[in-house]
């Protein structure tokens, strides 16, 4: 079971318990763009578990002003797993709702820290009531500066925290023809972060941050 807690210093802390879908049971995932899987309108991505099995697929439309990303079980797109939907037209501080497509449950939200992300990428993880429960941020201010001022060939690396504790890590590769993002939740020993929210964060890192670069 996933236990999702808001930080203890909030009087309106929320606790929700949901059944763990088998597809999200792992600790390690890889999101990769399909080689030559692109058109002028969209890019296609696969999500793999730690053993290389495909557990998800999504196509990111490039020309939409308001993102609505649907994650499916595979590229047949017959079983929808997650919806990651922007609340407004894309801007520096856009927030996304993450919804379980099978149950209609709103799992939480993910919000980009607008102008601050011009210096170092940072996202806020939120519970279903929009309470902040964690953050995602580039792990090195120095490398973040180098990437922005000198070269974007240095792979981005992110720490994922929950209530101030590190529960995961995300790292991109530098290949512009076959972008990949690895997600590692090995430090989340008791599954404090709902894995669906963690995977949705990875989807946004490779799709949204990649597009803006």
C-alpha atoms as a PDB file:
ATOM      1  CA  UNK A   1       0.000   0.000   0.000  1.00  0.00           C
ATOM      2  CA  UNK A   2       1.111   3.558  -0.625  1.00  0.00           C
ATOM      3  CA  UNK A   3       0.954   5.901   2.366  1.00  0.00           C
ATOM      4  CA  UNK A   4       0.931   9.528   1.270  1.00  0.00           C
ATOM      5  CA  UNK A   5       1.532  12.035   4.080  1.00  0.00           C
ATOM      6  CA  UNK A   6       1.665  15.789   4.093  1.00  0.00           C
ATOM      7  CA  UNK A   7       4.500  17.258   6.205  1.00  0.00           C
ATOM      8  CA  UNK A   8       3.945  17.069   9.980  1.00  0.00           C
ATOM      9  CA  UNK A   9       4.061  20.836  10.514  1.00  0.00           C
ATOM     10  CA  UNK A  10       0.795  21.348   8.637  1.00  0.00           C
ATOM     11  CA  UNK A  11      -2.399  21.328  10.653  1.00  0.00           C
ATOM     12  CA  UNK A  12      -4.408  20.152   7.648  1.00  0.00           C
ATOM     13  CA  UNK A  13      -2.155  17.173   6.890  1.00  0.00           C
ATOM     14  CA  UNK A  14      -3.828  14.603   4.680  1.00  0.00           C
ATOM     15  CA  UNK A  15      -3.369  10.868   4.706  1.00  0.00           C
ATOM     16  CA  UNK A  16      -4.593   8.768   1.814  1.00  0.00           C
ATOM     17  CA  UNK A  17      -4.147   5.083   1.170  1.00  0.00           C
ATOM     18  CA  UNK A  18      -4.431   3.516  -2.260  1.00  0.00           C
ATOM     19  CA  UNK A  19      -3.832   0.077  -3.657  1.00  0.00           C
ATOM     20  CA  UNK A  20      -0.472  -0.250  -5.383  1.00  0.00           C
ATOM     21  CA  UNK A  21      -0.959  -1.037  -9.103  1.00  0.00           C
ATOM     22  CA  UNK A  22       1.402  -3.848 -10.112  1.00  0.00           C
ATOM     23  CA  UNK A  23       2.810  -1.739 -12.938  1.00  0.00           C
ATOM     24  CA  UNK A  24       4.115   0.781 -10.399  1.00  0.00           C
ATOM     25  CA  UNK A  25       5.526  -1.700  -7.902  1.00  0.00           C
ATOM     26  CA  UNK A  26       9.183  -1.216  -8.802  1.00  0.00           C
ATOM     27  CA  UNK A  27      11.923   1.045  -7.538  1.00  0.00           C
ATOM     28  CA  UNK A  28      13.661   1.790 -10.833  1.00  0.00           C
ATOM     29  CA  UNK A  29      12.289   3.006 -14.156  1.00  0.00           C
ATOM     30  CA  UNK A  30      13.588   4.305 -17.455  1.00  0.00           C
ATOM     31  CA  UNK A  31      11.729   6.739 -19.693  1.00  0.00           C
ATOM     32  CA  UNK A  32      13.121   6.807 -23.208  1.00  0.00           C
ATOM     33  CA  UNK A  33      12.141   8.525 -26.402  1.00  0.00           C
ATOM     34  CA  UNK A  34      11.459   6.149 -29.258  1.00  0.00           C
ATOM     35  CA  UNK A  35      14.257   6.379 -31.824  1.00  0.00           C
ATOM     36  CA  UNK A  36      12.793   8.111 -34.881  1.00  0.00           C
ATOM     37  CA  UNK A  37       9.454   8.000 -33.048  1.00  0.00           C
ATOM     38  CA  UNK A  38       8.574  11.595 -33.737  1.00  0.00           C
ATOM     39  CA  UNK A  39       6.639  13.766 -36.126  1.00  0.00           C
ATOM     40  CA  UNK A  40       6.351  17.518 -36.424  1.00  0.00           C
ATOM     41  CA  UNK A  41       3.455  17.285 -33.969  1.00  0.00           C
ATOM     42  CA  UNK A  42       4.528  14.798 -31.284  1.00  0.00           C
ATOM     43  CA  UNK A  43       7.270  12.761 -29.625  1.00  0.00           C
ATOM     44  CA  UNK A  44       6.767   9.171 -28.446  1.00  0.00           C
ATOM     45  CA  UNK A  45       8.162   7.736 -25.214  1.00  0.00           C
ATOM     46  CA  UNK A  46       8.305   4.333 -23.505  1.00  0.00           C
ATOM     47  CA  UNK A  47       8.455   3.726 -19.750  1.00  0.00           C
ATOM     48  CA  UNK A  48      10.361   0.602 -18.706  1.00  0.00           C
ATOM     49  CA  UNK A  49      10.779  -1.038 -15.308  1.00  0.00           C
ATOM     50  CA  UNK A  50      14.071  -2.150 -13.779  1.00  0.00           C
ATOM     51  CA  UNK A  51      14.114  -5.361 -15.823  1.00  0.00           C
ATOM     52  CA  UNK A  52      13.486  -3.649 -19.174  1.00  0.00           C
ATOM     53  CA  UNK A  53       9.801  -4.503 -19.484  1.00  0.00           C
ATOM     54  CA  UNK A  54       7.574  -1.822 -20.996  1.00  0.00           C
ATOM     55  CA  UNK A  55       5.097  -0.601 -18.375  1.00  0.00           C
ATOM     56  CA  UNK A  56       3.956   2.614 -20.016  1.00  0.00           C
ATOM     57  CA  UNK A  57       3.814   4.653 -23.201  1.00  0.00           C
ATOM     58  CA  UNK A  58       2.893   8.242 -24.009  1.00  0.00           C
ATOM     59  CA  UNK A  59       2.984  10.628 -26.943  1.00  0.00           C
ATOM     60  CA  UNK A  60       3.740  14.247 -26.152  1.00  0.00           C
ATOM     61  CA  UNK A  61       2.110  16.714 -28.516  1.00  0.00           C
ATOM     62  CA  UNK A  62       4.463  19.599 -29.223  1.00  0.00           C
ATOM     63  CA  UNK A  63       2.085  22.218 -30.551  1.00  0.00           C
ATOM     64  CA  UNK A  64      -0.482  22.273 -27.732  1.00  0.00           C
ATOM     65  CA  UNK A  65      -0.646  25.405 -25.593  1.00  0.00           C
ATOM     66  CA  UNK A  66      -2.190  23.447 -22.715  1.00  0.00           C
ATOM     67  CA  UNK A  67      -0.560  20.086 -22.097  1.00  0.00           C
ATOM     68  CA  UNK A  68      -2.683  17.007 -21.468  1.00  0.00           C
ATOM     69  CA  UNK A  69      -0.415  13.947 -21.389  1.00  0.00           C
ATOM     70  CA  UNK A  70      -1.991  10.496 -21.274  1.00  0.00           C
ATOM     71  CA  UNK A  71       0.135   7.551 -20.137  1.00  0.00           C
ATOM     72  CA  UNK A  72      -0.975   4.163 -21.490  1.00  0.00           C
ATOM     73  CA  UNK A  73       0.062   0.615 -20.593  1.00  0.00           C
ATOM     74  CA  UNK A  74       1.692   0.174 -24.033  1.00  0.00           C
ATOM     75  CA  UNK A  75       1.811   1.682 -27.504  1.00  0.00           C
ATOM     76  CA  UNK A  76      -1.523   0.153 -28.512  1.00  0.00           C
ATOM     77  CA  UNK A  77      -3.013   2.884 -26.293  1.00  0.00           C
ATOM     78  CA  UNK A  78      -5.951   0.670 -25.287  1.00  0.00           C
ATOM     79  CA  UNK A  79      -5.526   0.974 -21.492  1.00  0.00           C
ATOM     80  CA  UNK A  80      -4.961   4.422 -20.059  1.00  0.00           C
ATOM     81  CA  UNK A  81      -3.078   4.554 -16.751  1.00  0.00           C
ATOM     82  CA  UNK A  82      -2.452   8.201 -15.927  1.00  0.00           C
ATOM     83  CA  UNK A  83      -3.536  11.650 -16.998  1.00  0.00           C
ATOM     84  CA  UNK A  84      -1.131  14.551 -16.437  1.00  0.00           C
ATOM     85  CA  UNK A  85      -3.052  17.695 -17.188  1.00  0.00           C
ATOM     86  CA  UNK A  86      -1.924  21.326 -17.100  1.00  0.00           C
ATOM     87  CA  UNK A  87      -4.252  23.678 -15.256  1.00  0.00           C
ATOM     88  CA  UNK A  88      -3.531  26.566 -17.593  1.00  0.00           C
ATOM     89  CA  UNK A  89      -1.768  27.469 -20.797  1.00  0.00           C
ATOM     90  CA  UNK A  90       1.869  26.499 -20.414  1.00  0.00           C
ATOM     91  CA  UNK A  91       3.973  29.110 -18.621  1.00  0.00           C
ATOM     92  CA  UNK A  92       6.976  29.169 -16.305  1.00  0.00           C
ATOM     93  CA  UNK A  93       4.890  28.349 -13.212  1.00  0.00           C
ATOM     94  CA  UNK A  94       2.351  25.935 -14.647  1.00  0.00           C
ATOM     95  CA  UNK A  95       0.813  23.325 -12.320  1.00  0.00           C
ATOM     96  CA  UNK A  96      -0.250  19.845 -13.428  1.00  0.00           C
ATOM     97  CA  UNK A  97      -2.916  17.578 -11.955  1.00  0.00           C
ATOM     98  CA  UNK A  98      -2.036  13.876 -11.849  1.00  0.00           C
ATOM     99  CA  UNK A  99      -5.070  11.591 -12.139  1.00  0.00           C
ATOM    100  CA  UNK A 100      -5.390   7.805 -11.992  1.00  0.00           C
ATOM    101  CA  UNK A 101      -7.288   7.048 -15.202  1.00  0.00           C
ATOM    102  CA  UNK A 102      -8.647   3.760 -13.865  1.00  0.00           C
ATOM    103  CA  UNK A 103     -10.300   5.181 -10.764  1.00  0.00           C
ATOM    104  CA  UNK A 104     -10.593   8.878 -11.565  1.00  0.00           C
ATOM    105  CA  UNK A 105      -8.704   9.600  -8.331  1.00  0.00           C
ATOM    106  CA  UNK A 106      -6.682  12.803  -8.245  1.00  0.00           C
ATOM    107  CA  UNK A 107      -3.342  11.586  -6.919  1.00  0.00           C
ATOM    108  CA  UNK A 108      -1.795  15.008  -6.459  1.00  0.00           C
ATOM    109  CA  UNK A 109      -0.160  17.819  -8.361  1.00  0.00           C
ATOM    110  CA  UNK A 110       3.214  18.922  -9.664  1.00  0.00           C
ATOM    111  CA  UNK A 111       4.097  22.600 -10.051  1.00  0.00           C
ATOM    112  CA  UNK A 112       7.104  24.173 -11.698  1.00  0.00           C
ATOM    113  CA  UNK A 113       8.814  26.913  -9.714  1.00  0.00           C
ATOM    114  CA  UNK A 114       8.706  29.417 -12.545  1.00  0.00           C
ATOM    115  CA  UNK A 115      11.378  32.087 -12.541  1.00  0.00           C
ATOM    116  CA  UNK A 116      13.573  30.182 -10.093  1.00  0.00           C
ATOM    117  CA  UNK A 117      13.810  27.379 -12.665  1.00  0.00           C
ATOM    118  CA  UNK A 118      15.557  29.766 -15.041  1.00  0.00           C
ATOM    119  CA  UNK A 119      18.594  29.381 -12.765  1.00  0.00           C
ATOM    120  CA  UNK A 120      18.054  25.844 -11.479  1.00  0.00           C
ATOM    121  CA  UNK A 121      15.112  23.572 -12.336  1.00  0.00           C
ATOM    122  CA  UNK A 122      12.792  22.997  -9.392  1.00  0.00           C
ATOM    123  CA  UNK A 123       9.329  21.456  -9.108  1.00  0.00           C
ATOM    124  CA  UNK A 124       6.947  21.160  -6.152  1.00  0.00           C
ATOM    125  CA  UNK A 125       5.133  17.886  -5.405  1.00  0.00           C
ATOM    126  CA  UNK A 126       1.654  18.335  -3.926  1.00  0.00           C
ATOM    127  CA  UNK A 127      -0.960  16.095  -2.295  1.00  0.00           C
ATOM    128  CA  UNK A 128      -4.612  15.994  -3.495  1.00  0.00           C
ATOM    129  CA  UNK A 129      -5.358  19.205  -1.524  1.00  0.00           C
ATOM    130  CA  UNK A 130      -2.354  21.041  -2.998  1.00  0.00           C
ATOM    131  CA  UNK A 131      -0.310  20.854   0.201  1.00  0.00           C
ATOM    132  CA  UNK A 132       3.403  20.710  -0.576  1.00  0.00           C
ATOM    133  CA  UNK A 133       4.802  17.267   0.232  1.00  0.00           C
ATOM    134  CA  UNK A 134       8.115  17.291  -1.613  1.00  0.00           C
ATOM    135  CA  UNK A 135      10.337  18.813  -4.245  1.00  0.00           C
ATOM    136  CA  UNK A 136      12.387  17.952  -7.307  1.00  0.00           C
ATOM    137  CA  UNK A 137      15.472  20.051  -7.972  1.00  0.00           C
ATOM    138  CA  UNK A 138      18.703  19.930  -9.920  1.00  0.00           C
ATOM    139  CA  UNK A 139      21.351  18.523  -7.627  1.00  0.00           C
ATOM    140  CA  UNK A 140      24.151  20.962  -8.455  1.00  0.00           C
ATOM    141  CA  UNK A 141      23.751  24.762  -8.683  1.00  0.00           C
ATOM    142  CA  UNK A 142      27.169  24.993 -10.349  1.00  0.00           C
ATOM    143  CA  UNK A 143      26.355  22.479 -13.089  1.00  0.00           C
ATOM    144  CA  UNK A 144      22.929  24.082 -13.550  1.00  0.00           C
ATOM    145  CA  UNK A 145      24.675  27.393 -14.273  1.00  0.00           C
ATOM    146  CA  UNK A 146      27.130  25.750 -16.683  1.00  0.00           C
ATOM    147  CA  UNK A 147      24.262  24.056 -18.558  1.00  0.00           C
ATOM    148  CA  UNK A 148      22.458  27.345 -19.053  1.00  0.00           C
ATOM    149  CA  UNK A 149      25.420  29.570 -19.893  1.00  0.00           C
ATOM    150  CA  UNK A 150      27.857  27.285 -21.707  1.00  0.00           C
ATOM    151  CA  UNK A 151      26.458  23.947 -22.873  1.00  0.00           C
ATOM    152  CA  UNK A 152      23.382  21.748 -22.520  1.00  0.00           C
ATOM    153  CA  UNK A 153      25.383  18.576 -23.226  1.00  0.00           C
ATOM    154  CA  UNK A 154      25.939  18.002 -19.499  1.00  0.00           C
ATOM    155  CA  UNK A 155      23.141  15.615 -18.403  1.00  0.00           C
ATOM    156  CA  UNK A 156      20.712  17.037 -15.877  1.00  0.00           C
ATOM    157  CA  UNK A 157      20.444  15.257 -12.543  1.00  0.00           C
ATOM    158  CA  UNK A 158      17.695  15.765  -9.966  1.00  0.00           C
ATOM    159  CA  UNK A 159      17.090  14.922  -6.331  1.00  0.00           C
ATOM    160  CA  UNK A 160      13.536  13.998  -5.322  1.00  0.00           C
ATOM    161  CA  UNK A 161      12.568  14.734  -1.725  1.00  0.00           C
ATOM    162  CA  UNK A 162       9.516  13.964   0.395  1.00  0.00           C
ATOM    163  CA  UNK A 163       9.021  15.905   3.617  1.00  0.00           C
ATOM    164  CA  UNK A 164      12.667  16.975   3.401  1.00  0.00           C
ATOM    165  CA  UNK A 165      14.023  13.424   2.991  1.00  0.00           C
ATOM    166  CA  UNK A 166      15.564  12.194  -0.245  1.00  0.00           C
ATOM    167  CA  UNK A 167      13.361   9.460  -1.705  1.00  0.00           C
ATOM    168  CA  UNK A 168      14.568   9.351  -5.277  1.00  0.00           C
ATOM    169  CA  UNK A 169      16.896  10.488  -8.005  1.00  0.00           C
ATOM    170  CA  UNK A 170      16.405  11.265 -11.680  1.00  0.00           C
ATOM    171  CA  UNK A 171      19.104  11.582 -14.312  1.00  0.00           C
ATOM    172  CA  UNK A 172      18.995  12.375 -18.002  1.00  0.00           C
ATOM    173  CA  UNK A 173      21.407  11.233 -20.668  1.00  0.00           C
ATOM    174  CA  UNK A 174      22.974  13.659 -23.131  1.00  0.00           C
ATOM    175  CA  UNK A 175      22.057  11.965 -26.407  1.00  0.00           C
ATOM    176  CA  UNK A 176      19.911  14.458 -28.382  1.00  0.00           C
ATOM    177  CA  UNK A 177      18.674  11.716 -30.749  1.00  0.00           C
ATOM    178  CA  UNK A 178      17.466   9.262 -28.098  1.00  0.00           C
ATOM    179  CA  UNK A 179      16.792  11.114 -24.821  1.00  0.00           C
ATOM    180  CA  UNK A 180      16.439   8.966 -21.711  1.00  0.00           C
ATOM    181  CA  UNK A 181      15.589   9.664 -18.088  1.00  0.00           C
ATOM    182  CA  UNK A 182      16.333   7.161 -15.338  1.00  0.00           C
ATOM    183  CA  UNK A 183      14.272   7.184 -12.134  1.00  0.00           C
ATOM    184  CA  UNK A 184      15.583   5.517  -8.992  1.00  0.00           C
ATOM    185  CA  UNK A 185      13.419   5.328  -5.859  1.00  0.00           C
ATOM    186  CA  UNK A 186      15.695   2.920  -3.988  1.00  0.00           C
ATOM    187  CA  UNK A 187      16.019   5.358  -1.083  1.00  0.00           C
ATOM    188  CA  UNK A 188      12.232   5.418  -0.632  1.00  0.00           C
ATOM    189  CA  UNK A 189      12.348   2.374   1.625  1.00  0.00           C
ATOM    190  CA  UNK A 190       8.684   2.404   2.747  1.00  0.00           C
ATOM    191  CA  UNK A 191       7.125   3.909  -0.409  1.00  0.00           C
ATOM    192  CA  UNK A 192       6.283   7.268   1.124  1.00  0.00           C
ATOM    193  CA  UNK A 193       5.962   8.859  -2.304  1.00  0.00           C
ATOM    194  CA  UNK A 194       3.121   7.490  -4.407  1.00  0.00           C
ATOM    195  CA  UNK A 195       4.955   5.945  -7.331  1.00  0.00           C
ATOM    196  CA  UNK A 196       2.343   7.221  -9.768  1.00  0.00           C
ATOM    197  CA  UNK A 197       3.233  10.779  -8.760  1.00  0.00           C
ATOM    198  CA  UNK A 198       6.925   9.963  -9.072  1.00  0.00           C
ATOM    199  CA  UNK A 199       6.522   8.565 -12.578  1.00  0.00           C
ATOM    200  CA  UNK A 200       4.389  11.558 -13.583  1.00  0.00           C
ATOM    201  CA  UNK A 201       7.224  13.789 -12.398  1.00  0.00           C
ATOM    202  CA  UNK A 202       9.639  11.876 -14.614  1.00  0.00           C
ATOM    203  CA  UNK A 203       7.287  12.302 -17.573  1.00  0.00           C
ATOM    204  CA  UNK A 204       7.278  16.073 -17.047  1.00  0.00           C
ATOM    205  CA  UNK A 205      11.046  16.266 -16.633  1.00  0.00           C
ATOM    206  CA  UNK A 206      11.740  14.578 -19.953  1.00  0.00           C
ATOM    207  CA  UNK A 207       8.824  16.081 -21.879  1.00  0.00           C
ATOM    208  CA  UNK A 208       8.370  19.629 -20.551  1.00  0.00           C
ATOM    209  CA  UNK A 209      11.926  20.480 -19.509  1.00  0.00           C
ATOM    210  CA  UNK A 210      13.202  18.842 -22.691  1.00  0.00           C
ATOM    211  CA  UNK A 211      10.896  20.912 -24.857  1.00  0.00           C
ATOM    212  CA  UNK A 212      11.790  24.189 -23.127  1.00  0.00           C
ATOM    213  CA  UNK A 213      15.505  23.528 -23.590  1.00  0.00           C
END
